[in-house]
Amino acid sequence: MIPLPIPLPVERAIVKLGRDISLARRRRQLTQASLAERIGASLATVRRLEKGDPRIPLHFMARALHVFGELERLNQLLDTGEDAIGLALMDEQLPQRVRTRKAAAHAGAL
């Protein structure tokens, strides 16, 4: 299977996230080696993460966000209660009216 090319907006977002992780690390006076140890990754992985390598597993990004106290932001990315488009699409599928079902003669109390 031939991998699909990464769309430019996706690539830019991943590179920005890498730069932001690098900046957050440096602001906290952490070395790349220290961050690597905290997230359970190699030094090379942290370097690739900060460069915006799209092949970095998501769990390393999530662990880095956890180290910086920002994991909740990842948790809120596609919160179903806040998904305006998804909720609107679901609302379009709602029936116009709801009818009660006729109970069968042999049906129980439910």
C-alpha atoms as a PDB file:
ATOM      1  CA  MET A   1       0.000   0.000   0.000  1.00  0.00           C
ATOM      2  CA  ILE A   2       1.372   3.390  -0.996  1.00  0.00           C
ATOM      3  CA  PRO A   3       1.150   5.926   1.842  1.00  0.00           C
ATOM      4  CA  LEU A   4      -0.866   9.030   1.096  1.00  0.00           C
ATOM      5  CA  PRO A   5       1.036  12.311   1.010  1.00  0.00           C
ATOM      6  CA  ILE A   6       0.509  14.486   4.063  1.00  0.00           C
ATOM      7  CA  PRO A   7      -1.666  17.511   3.238  1.00  0.00           C
ATOM      8  CA  LEU A   8       0.230  20.772   3.698  1.00  0.00           C
ATOM      9  CA  PRO A   9      -2.090  22.111   6.465  1.00  0.00           C
ATOM     10  CA  VAL A  10      -1.605  18.853   8.408  1.00  0.00           C
ATOM     11  CA  GLU A  11       2.161  19.025   7.986  1.00  0.00           C
ATOM     12  CA  ARG A  12       2.226  22.658   9.123  1.00  0.00           C
ATOM     13  CA  ALA A  13       0.140  21.840  12.210  1.00  0.00           C
ATOM     14  CA  ILE A  14       2.451  18.964  13.188  1.00  0.00           C
ATOM     15  CA  VAL A  15       5.555  21.105  12.697  1.00  0.00           C
ATOM     16  CA  LYS A  16       3.989  23.886  14.786  1.00  0.00           C
ATOM     17  CA  LEU A  17       3.132  21.416  17.542  1.00  0.00           C
ATOM     18  CA  GLY A  18       6.738  20.227  17.521  1.00  0.00           C
ATOM     19  CA  ARG A  19       8.037  23.788  17.788  1.00  0.00           C
ATOM     20  CA  ASP A  20       5.579  24.502  20.586  1.00  0.00           C
ATOM     21  CA  ILE A  21       6.712  21.400  22.484  1.00  0.00           C
ATOM     22  CA  SER A  22      10.321  22.514  22.059  1.00  0.00           C
ATOM     23  CA  LEU A  23       9.485  25.993  23.339  1.00  0.00           C
ATOM     24  CA  ALA A  24       7.514  24.622  26.304  1.00  0.00           C
ATOM     25  CA  ARG A  25      10.427  22.348  27.187  1.00  0.00           C
ATOM     26  CA  ARG A  26      12.978  25.150  27.031  1.00  0.00           C
ATOM     27  CA  ARG A  27      10.787  27.531  29.031  1.00  0.00           C
ATOM     28  CA  ARG A  28      10.684  24.907  31.768  1.00  0.00           C
ATOM     29  CA  GLN A  29      14.470  24.536  31.632  1.00  0.00           C
ATOM     30  CA  LEU A  30      14.210  20.846  30.645  1.00  0.00           C
ATOM     31  CA  THR A  31      16.811  19.196  28.460  1.00  0.00           C
ATOM     32  CA  GLN A  32      15.754  17.002  25.573  1.00  0.00           C
ATOM     33  CA  ALA A  33      17.256  14.061  27.484  1.00  0.00           C
ATOM     34  CA  SER A  34      15.138  14.882  30.545  1.00  0.00           C
ATOM     35  CA  LEU A  35      11.970  15.101  28.462  1.00  0.00           C
ATOM     36  CA  ALA A  36      12.861  11.827  26.753  1.00  0.00           C
ATOM     37  CA  GLU A  37      13.197  10.135  30.127  1.00  0.00           C
ATOM     38  CA  ARG A  38       9.891  11.554  31.367  1.00  0.00           C
ATOM     39  CA  ILE A  39       7.931  10.400  28.323  1.00  0.00           C
ATOM     40  CA  GLY A  40       9.689   7.055  27.997  1.00  0.00           C
ATOM     41  CA  ALA A  41      11.271   7.817  24.643  1.00  0.00           C
ATOM     42  CA  SER A  42      14.745   8.010  23.209  1.00  0.00           C
ATOM     43  CA  LEU A  43      16.599  11.282  22.738  1.00  0.00           C
ATOM     44  CA  ALA A  44      16.292  10.796  18.971  1.00  0.00           C
ATOM     45  CA  THR A  45      12.504  10.492  19.316  1.00  0.00           C
ATOM     46  CA  VAL A  46      12.298  13.784  21.234  1.00  0.00           C
ATOM     47  CA  ARG A  47      14.423  15.485  18.586  1.00  0.00           C
ATOM     48  CA  ARG A  48      12.132  14.164  15.838  1.00  0.00           C
ATOM     49  CA  LEU A  49       9.070  15.164  17.894  1.00  0.00           C
ATOM     50  CA  GLU A  50      10.333  18.737  18.201  1.00  0.00           C
ATOM     51  CA  LYS A  51      11.097  18.884  14.472  1.00  0.00           C
ATOM     52  CA  GLY A  52       7.526  17.882  13.663  1.00  0.00           C
ATOM     53  CA  ASP A  53       8.178  14.399  12.288  1.00  0.00           C
ATOM     54  CA  PRO A  54       4.704  13.018  11.450  1.00  0.00           C
ATOM     55  CA  ARG A  55       5.837   9.445  12.142  1.00  0.00           C
ATOM     56  CA  ILE A  56       6.106  10.055  15.899  1.00  0.00           C
ATOM     57  CA  PRO A  57       3.503   7.911  17.703  1.00  0.00           C
ATOM     58  CA  LEU A  58       0.647   9.903  19.199  1.00  0.00           C
ATOM     59  CA  HIS A  59       1.282   8.516  22.670  1.00  0.00           C
ATOM     60  CA  PHE A  60       4.629  10.351  22.814  1.00  0.00           C
ATOM     61  CA  MET A  61       2.893  13.621  21.932  1.00  0.00           C
ATOM     62  CA  ALA A  62       0.266  12.898  24.596  1.00  0.00           C
ATOM     63  CA  ARG A  63       2.941  12.098  27.166  1.00  0.00           C
ATOM     64  CA  ALA A  64       4.758  15.340  26.374  1.00  0.00           C
ATOM     65  CA  LEU A  65       1.512  17.273  26.785  1.00  0.00           C
ATOM     66  CA  HIS A  66       1.030  15.513  30.124  1.00  0.00           C
ATOM     67  CA  VAL A  67       4.523  16.570  31.269  1.00  0.00           C
ATOM     68  CA  PHE A  68       3.633  20.188  30.442  1.00  0.00           C
ATOM     69  CA  GLY A  69       0.218  20.012  32.129  1.00  0.00           C
ATOM     70  CA  GLU A  70      -1.644  20.379  28.839  1.00  0.00           C
ATOM     71  CA  LEU A  71      -3.144  16.909  28.360  1.00  0.00           C
ATOM     72  CA  GLU A  72      -6.669  18.236  28.896  1.00  0.00           C
ATOM     73  CA  ARG A  73      -6.353  20.172  25.628  1.00  0.00           C
ATOM     74  CA  LEU A  74      -5.846  16.910  23.751  1.00  0.00           C
ATOM     75  CA  ASN A  75      -8.789  15.445  25.628  1.00  0.00           C
ATOM     76  CA  GLN A  76     -11.030  18.275  24.399  1.00  0.00           C
ATOM     77  CA  LEU A  77     -10.080  18.159  20.700  1.00  0.00           C
ATOM     78  CA  LEU A  78     -13.178  16.398  19.431  1.00  0.00           C
ATOM     79  CA  ASP A  79     -15.377  16.439  22.498  1.00  0.00           C
ATOM     80  CA  THR A  80     -18.673  15.033  21.224  1.00  0.00           C
ATOM     81  CA  GLY A  81     -20.702  17.495  23.266  1.00  0.00           C
ATOM     82  CA  GLU A  82     -18.920  20.384  21.554  1.00  0.00           C
ATOM     83  CA  ASP A  83     -18.948  18.944  18.012  1.00  0.00           C
ATOM     84  CA  ALA A  84     -21.284  21.464  16.370  1.00  0.00           C
ATOM     85  CA  ILE A  85     -21.139  19.838  12.921  1.00  0.00           C
ATOM     86  CA  GLY A  86     -21.680  16.317  14.275  1.00  0.00           C
ATOM     87  CA  LEU A  87     -24.580  17.460  16.446  1.00  0.00           C
ATOM     88  CA  ALA A  88     -26.179  19.319  13.520  1.00  0.00           C
ATOM     89  CA  LEU A  89     -25.889  16.225  11.310  1.00  0.00           C
ATOM     90  CA  MET A  90     -27.476  14.095  14.028  1.00  0.00           C
ATOM     91  CA  ASP A  91     -30.293  16.627  14.449  1.00  0.00           C
ATOM     92  CA  GLU A  92     -31.057  16.392  10.718  1.00  0.00           C
ATOM     93  CA  GLN A  93     -31.691  12.658  11.174  1.00  0.00           C
ATOM     94  CA  LEU A  94     -34.220  13.110  13.975  1.00  0.00           C
ATOM     95  CA  PRO A  95     -37.777  12.064  13.108  1.00  0.00           C
ATOM     96  CA  GLN A  96     -40.358  14.789  12.559  1.00  0.00           C
ATOM     97  CA  ARG A  97     -42.616  13.210  15.165  1.00  0.00           C
ATOM     98  CA  VAL A  98     -42.479  10.369  17.607  1.00  0.00           C
ATOM     99  CA  ARG A  99     -45.410   7.955  17.834  1.00  0.00           C
ATOM    100  CA  THR A 100     -46.159   5.556  20.615  1.00  0.00           C
ATOM    101  CA  ARG A 101     -46.043   1.924  19.646  1.00  0.00           C
ATOM    102  CA  LYS A 102     -49.147  -0.169  19.990  1.00  0.00           C
ATOM    103  CA  ALA A 103     -48.658  -2.793  22.660  1.00  0.00           C
ATOM    104  CA  ALA A 104     -49.199  -6.383  21.521  1.00  0.00           C
ATOM    105  CA  ALA A 105     -51.936  -8.334  23.276  1.00  0.00           C
ATOM    106  CA  HIS A 106     -49.396 -10.735  24.770  1.00  0.00           C
ATOM    107  CA  ALA A 107     -46.851  -8.091  25.750  1.00  0.00           C
ATOM    108  CA  GLY A 108     -45.686  -7.926  29.340  1.00  0.00           C
ATOM    109  CA  ALA A 109     -45.587  -4.939  31.667  1.00  0.00           C
ATOM    110  CA  LEU A 110     -42.752  -3.353  29.709  1.00  0.00           C
END
